[in-house]
N, C-alpha and C. Protein backbone atom coordinates (compact mmCIF):
# COMPACT_ATOMS: atom_id res chain seq x y z
N UNK A 1 70.87 79.64 79.95
CA UNK A 1 71.94 79.93 80.53
C UNK A 1 72.93 79.69 82.27
N UNK A 2 71.43 80.50 82.82
CA UNK A 2 71.79 80.06 84.14
C UNK A 2 70.95 78.78 84.41
N UNK A 3 69.98 78.31 84.18
CA UNK A 3 69.87 76.78 84.01
C UNK A 3 70.28 75.85 84.30
N UNK A 4 71.32 75.35 83.14
CA UNK A 4 71.98 75.13 82.81
C UNK A 4 73.51 75.01 83.96
N UNK A 5 74.04 76.00 84.07
CA UNK A 5 74.74 76.06 85.35
C UNK A 5 74.02 75.88 86.59
N UNK A 6 73.33 76.04 86.98
CA UNK A 6 71.73 75.35 88.38
C UNK A 6 72.18 74.14 87.59
N UNK A 7 71.99 73.38 86.89
CA UNK A 7 71.93 72.02 86.96
C UNK A 7 72.53 71.82 86.51
N UNK A 8 73.76 71.76 86.78
CA UNK A 8 75.63 71.45 86.81
C UNK A 8 75.28 70.90 87.82
N UNK A 9 75.31 72.08 88.66
CA UNK A 9 75.70 72.28 89.28
C UNK A 9 75.08 70.83 90.99
N UNK A 10 73.90 71.10 90.81
CA UNK A 10 72.76 70.66 91.26
C UNK A 10 73.56 69.16 90.33
N UNK A 11 74.29 68.75 89.70
CA UNK A 11 73.91 67.42 89.17
C UNK A 11 75.21 66.69 89.86
N UNK A 12 76.31 67.93 90.05
CA UNK A 12 78.15 67.41 90.26
C UNK A 12 77.87 67.52 92.05
N UNK A 13 76.64 68.22 93.37
CA UNK A 13 76.26 68.39 93.74
C UNK A 13 77.16 67.00 94.70
N UNK A 14 77.69 66.33 95.53
CA UNK A 14 77.57 64.62 96.14
C UNK A 14 76.31 65.02 97.14
N UNK A 15 74.66 64.52 97.02
CA UNK A 15 74.27 63.59 97.91
C UNK A 15 74.38 63.60 98.90
N UNK A 16 73.90 63.96 99.93
CA UNK A 16 73.98 63.45 101.33
C UNK A 16 72.86 62.07 102.09
N UNK A 17 73.23 61.69 102.25
CA UNK A 17 71.86 61.04 102.77
C UNK A 17 72.71 59.83 103.91
N UNK A 18 71.13 59.38 105.19
CA UNK A 18 71.58 58.72 105.59
C UNK A 18 72.63 57.10 104.92
N UNK A 19 73.02 57.22 105.55
CA UNK A 19 73.08 54.94 105.90
C UNK A 19 71.67 54.32 106.14
N UNK A 20 71.29 53.13 104.86
CA UNK A 20 70.29 52.60 105.33
C UNK A 20 70.78 51.30 106.48
N UNK A 21 69.41 51.32 106.38
CA UNK A 21 69.14 50.08 107.71
C UNK A 21 69.65 48.52 107.02
N UNK A 22 69.16 48.55 104.86
CA UNK A 22 69.78 47.92 103.71
C UNK A 22 70.79 47.45 103.95
N UNK A 23 71.58 48.69 104.00
CA UNK A 23 72.98 48.49 104.14
C UNK A 23 73.67 48.01 105.36
N UNK A 24 73.53 48.35 106.38
CA UNK A 24 74.06 47.56 107.57
C UNK A 24 73.38 45.66 108.02
N UNK A 25 72.44 45.93 107.18
CA UNK A 25 72.57 44.13 107.37
C UNK A 25 72.98 43.69 106.21
N UNK A 26 73.58 44.21 105.48
CA UNK A 26 74.56 43.50 104.16
C UNK A 26 75.75 43.59 105.09
N UNK A 27 75.76 44.53 106.00
CA UNK A 27 77.50 44.12 106.14
C UNK A 27 77.93 43.80 108.07
N UNK A 28 76.61 43.00 108.40
CA UNK A 28 76.87 42.41 109.33
C UNK A 28 76.04 41.26 109.50
N UNK A 29 75.64 40.98 107.55
CA UNK A 29 75.19 39.71 106.69
C UNK A 29 75.59 38.24 107.19
N UNK A 30 77.14 38.42 108.17
CA UNK A 30 77.90 37.27 107.43
C UNK A 30 78.86 37.89 109.27
N UNK A 31 77.96 38.14 109.91
CA UNK A 31 78.36 37.95 111.20
C UNK A 31 77.49 37.28 112.50
N UNK A 32 75.77 37.39 111.60
CA UNK A 32 74.56 36.70 112.72
C UNK A 32 74.94 35.34 112.85
N UNK A 33 75.33 34.50 112.33
CA UNK A 33 76.12 32.96 112.66
C UNK A 33 76.23 33.24 114.32
N UNK A 34 78.02 33.86 114.35
CA UNK A 34 78.90 34.36 114.85
C UNK A 34 77.82 35.00 116.27
N UNK A 35 77.41 36.24 116.20
CA UNK A 35 76.60 37.01 117.61
C UNK A 35 75.44 36.01 118.03
N UNK A 36 75.20 34.33 117.28
CA UNK A 36 74.12 33.85 118.37
C UNK A 36 75.16 33.03 118.61
N UNK A 37 76.42 31.96 118.35
CA UNK A 37 77.39 30.95 118.98
C UNK A 37 77.84 30.84 119.32
N UNK A 38 78.99 32.16 118.88
CA UNK A 38 80.21 32.97 119.28
C UNK A 38 81.14 31.68 118.67
N UNK A 39 82.73 31.31 118.85
CA UNK A 39 83.51 30.76 117.78
C UNK A 39 83.98 31.45 116.87
N UNK A 40 84.52 31.09 116.39
CA UNK A 40 85.60 31.96 114.99
C UNK A 40 84.67 33.34 114.30
N UNK A 41 85.75 34.40 114.44
CA UNK A 41 85.61 35.61 114.42
C UNK A 41 85.19 34.95 112.54
N UNK A 42 84.48 35.43 111.80
CA UNK A 42 83.76 35.18 109.86
C UNK A 42 85.16 37.04 110.16
N UNK A 43 85.46 36.39 108.54
CA UNK A 43 87.02 37.89 108.57
C UNK A 43 85.59 38.83 107.35
N UNK A 44 84.95 37.84 107.62
CA UNK A 44 83.94 38.42 105.55
C UNK A 44 83.20 40.03 107.14
N UNK A 45 82.60 39.53 108.96
CA UNK A 45 81.67 40.00 109.29
C UNK A 45 82.63 41.01 109.82
N UNK A 46 83.71 40.51 109.99
CA UNK A 46 84.95 42.96 110.37
C UNK A 46 85.33 42.89 109.16
N UNK A 47 85.14 42.19 107.96
CA UNK A 47 84.91 43.71 106.25
C UNK A 47 83.91 44.48 106.79
N UNK A 48 82.28 43.77 107.12
CA UNK A 48 81.23 44.47 107.42
C UNK A 48 81.51 44.86 107.92
N UNK A 49 82.07 44.91 108.60
CA UNK A 49 81.79 46.14 110.07
C UNK A 49 82.55 48.04 110.35
N UNK A 50 84.05 46.56 109.68
CA UNK A 50 84.96 48.20 109.22
C UNK A 50 84.58 48.88 108.07
N UNK A 51 84.03 48.04 106.84
CA UNK A 51 82.61 49.35 106.01
C UNK A 51 82.03 50.41 106.68
N UNK A 52 81.09 49.14 107.25
CA UNK A 52 80.38 50.36 107.78
C UNK A 52 80.94 51.32 108.75
N UNK A 53 81.82 50.85 109.47
CA UNK A 53 82.56 52.70 110.48
C UNK A 53 82.80 53.06 109.36
N UNK A 54 83.62 53.19 107.99
CA UNK A 54 83.84 53.54 107.68
C UNK A 54 83.43 54.68 106.22
N UNK A 55 81.84 54.20 106.32
CA UNK A 55 81.18 54.51 105.40
C UNK A 55 80.08 55.03 105.98
N UNK A 56 80.36 55.62 107.59
CA UNK A 56 79.23 56.09 108.37
C UNK A 56 79.94 58.17 108.57
N UNK A 57 80.41 58.68 108.06
CA UNK A 57 81.48 59.73 108.29
C UNK A 57 80.68 61.29 109.18
N UNK A 58 79.13 60.66 109.17
CA UNK A 58 78.30 61.71 109.32
C UNK A 58 77.61 61.57 110.90
N UNK A 59 77.06 62.52 111.36
CA UNK A 59 76.28 61.76 112.35
C UNK A 59 75.47 61.70 112.71
N UNK A 60 74.58 62.09 111.23
CA UNK A 60 72.94 61.36 110.60
C UNK A 60 73.81 59.52 109.97
N UNK A 61 74.95 59.69 109.65
CA UNK A 61 75.18 58.78 109.17
C UNK A 61 75.28 57.64 110.50
N UNK A 62 75.90 58.20 111.30
CA UNK A 62 76.59 57.33 112.43
C UNK A 62 75.04 56.42 113.89
N UNK A 63 74.45 58.05 113.72
CA UNK A 63 72.61 57.68 114.48
C UNK A 63 71.92 56.77 113.91
N UNK A 64 71.83 56.82 112.58
CA UNK A 64 71.65 55.67 111.15
C UNK A 64 71.43 54.56 111.39
N UNK A 65 72.82 54.22 111.50
CA UNK A 65 73.80 53.32 111.58
C UNK A 65 73.31 52.30 112.82
N UNK A 66 73.38 53.19 114.01
CA UNK A 66 72.94 52.65 115.62
C UNK A 66 71.55 52.31 115.92
N UNK A 67 71.68 53.30 114.74
CA UNK A 67 69.73 52.71 115.60
C UNK A 67 69.05 51.53 114.13
N UNK A 68 69.31 50.85 113.30
CA UNK A 68 69.87 49.84 112.64
C UNK A 68 69.91 48.63 113.42
N UNK A 69 71.45 48.92 113.97
CA UNK A 69 71.74 48.02 114.79
C UNK A 69 70.95 47.55 116.02
N UNK A 70 70.56 47.91 116.55
CA UNK A 70 70.16 48.68 117.24
C UNK A 70 68.39 48.02 117.32
N UNK A 71 67.83 48.23 116.00
CA UNK A 71 66.88 47.58 115.63
C UNK A 71 66.63 45.33 115.92
N UNK A 72 67.74 45.86 115.16
CA UNK A 72 68.44 43.95 114.81
C UNK A 72 68.67 43.36 115.66
N UNK A 73 69.01 44.60 117.00
CA UNK A 73 70.06 43.26 118.39
C UNK A 73 68.20 43.01 118.52
N UNK A 74 66.85 43.93 118.89
CA UNK A 74 65.76 43.48 118.93
C UNK A 74 65.12 42.64 118.32
N UNK A 75 65.06 42.96 116.84
CA UNK A 75 64.66 41.61 115.85
C UNK A 75 65.38 39.97 116.30
N UNK A 76 66.31 39.59 115.76
CA UNK A 76 66.93 38.70 114.91
C UNK A 76 67.21 37.41 116.46
N UNK A 77 66.70 36.53 116.69
CA UNK A 77 66.19 35.51 118.14
C UNK A 77 67.71 34.47 118.24
N UNK A 78 68.95 35.07 118.75
CA UNK A 78 68.60 34.11 119.37
C UNK A 78 70.63 34.52 119.57
N UNK A 79 70.78 36.34 119.63
CA UNK A 79 71.84 36.85 119.70
C UNK A 79 72.09 37.08 120.13
N UNK A 80 73.32 36.39 120.90
CA UNK A 80 74.13 37.20 122.37
C UNK A 80 74.00 38.36 122.67
N UNK A 81 73.17 39.14 122.80
CA UNK A 81 73.92 40.59 123.32
C UNK A 81 75.29 40.82 124.38
N UNK A 82 76.24 39.84 124.91
CA UNK A 82 77.49 40.50 125.03
C UNK A 82 78.27 40.25 124.08
N UNK A 83 77.61 38.71 122.90
CA UNK A 83 78.94 38.86 121.61
C UNK A 83 78.55 40.43 120.69
N UNK A 84 77.46 40.96 120.34
CA UNK A 84 77.49 41.61 120.11
C UNK A 84 77.98 42.87 121.13
N UNK A 85 77.77 43.53 121.32
CA UNK A 85 78.46 44.34 122.46
C UNK A 85 80.03 44.74 122.25
N UNK A 86 80.59 43.50 122.48
CA UNK A 86 82.42 43.18 122.01
C UNK A 86 83.02 43.52 120.40
N UNK A 87 81.86 43.12 119.60
CA UNK A 87 81.82 42.57 117.75
C UNK A 87 83.07 43.75 118.15
N UNK A 88 82.25 46.04 117.88
CA UNK A 88 82.95 46.38 117.09
C UNK A 88 84.62 46.39 117.64
N UNK A 89 84.70 45.81 119.17
CA UNK A 89 86.54 46.18 119.60
C UNK A 89 87.59 44.74 119.10
N UNK A 90 86.66 43.81 119.31
CA UNK A 90 86.65 42.45 117.91
C UNK A 90 87.42 42.07 116.51
N UNK A 91 86.27 43.94 116.28
CA UNK A 91 87.05 44.07 114.44
C UNK A 91 88.12 45.60 114.56
N UNK A 92 88.93 45.89 115.90
CA UNK A 92 89.09 46.56 115.12
C UNK A 92 89.10 48.35 115.36
N UNK A 93 87.70 48.11 115.37
CA UNK A 93 86.75 49.65 115.46
C UNK A 93 86.01 49.48 117.04
N UNK A 94 86.96 51.21 117.06
CA UNK A 94 85.87 52.56 118.01
C UNK A 94 84.62 52.68 117.65
N UNK A 95 83.44 51.91 118.63
CA UNK A 95 82.28 53.05 118.75
C UNK A 95 81.57 53.42 119.51
N UNK A 96 81.27 54.46 120.16
CA UNK A 96 80.95 55.42 121.26
C UNK A 96 79.71 55.46 121.50
N UNK A 97 78.91 53.61 121.82
CA UNK A 97 77.78 53.14 122.07
C UNK A 97 78.23 51.95 121.89
N UNK A 98 77.05 51.16 123.13
CA UNK A 98 77.03 49.41 123.36
C UNK A 98 76.04 49.17 122.00
N UNK A 99 76.26 47.92 121.44
CA UNK A 99 75.64 47.22 120.62
C UNK A 99 73.82 46.69 121.81
N UNK A 100 72.58 47.32 121.64
CA UNK A 100 72.41 46.82 122.97
C UNK A 100 70.95 47.61 122.04
N UNK A 101 69.85 46.68 122.88
CA UNK A 101 68.28 47.28 122.59
C UNK A 101 68.16 47.60 122.55
N UNK A 102 68.58 48.19 124.16
CA UNK A 102 68.32 49.40 125.21
C UNK A 102 69.97 51.04 124.51
N UNK A 103 70.70 50.93 123.87
CA UNK A 103 70.65 51.71 123.59
C UNK A 103 70.26 53.34 123.24
N UNK A 104 71.13 54.77 122.90
CA UNK A 104 70.25 55.79 123.04
C UNK A 104 70.61 55.55 121.57
N UNK A 105 70.77 55.84 120.89
CA UNK A 105 71.60 56.71 119.77
C UNK A 105 71.37 57.96 119.70
N UNK A 106 70.34 58.49 119.60
CA UNK A 106 70.68 59.99 119.95
C UNK A 106 71.17 60.84 120.11
N UNK A 107 72.29 60.25 121.97
CA UNK A 107 73.28 60.68 122.59
C UNK A 107 74.74 61.20 121.44
């Protein structure tokens, strides 16, 4: 009986895990062309940014998203870092760091 109760508790408890870079990449994918050339901001881009912000509830999640964005800023060629830094604000989202390859995500 104790084993059954323990199993029910384990199955019913929400799993805690950080957001993955794959999830972050999916969220920012509609933003890539805008981040390279500017122009009109696609609504899907802001939807993805707001979704990521809403999903990143814990410190672990926020650090994971920060590190993924930092990595993306380094690896996606042609990104205008000034546009990237201003993107959250343009989407009505406040983040405590600048989206940049030099951001310290551990603060």
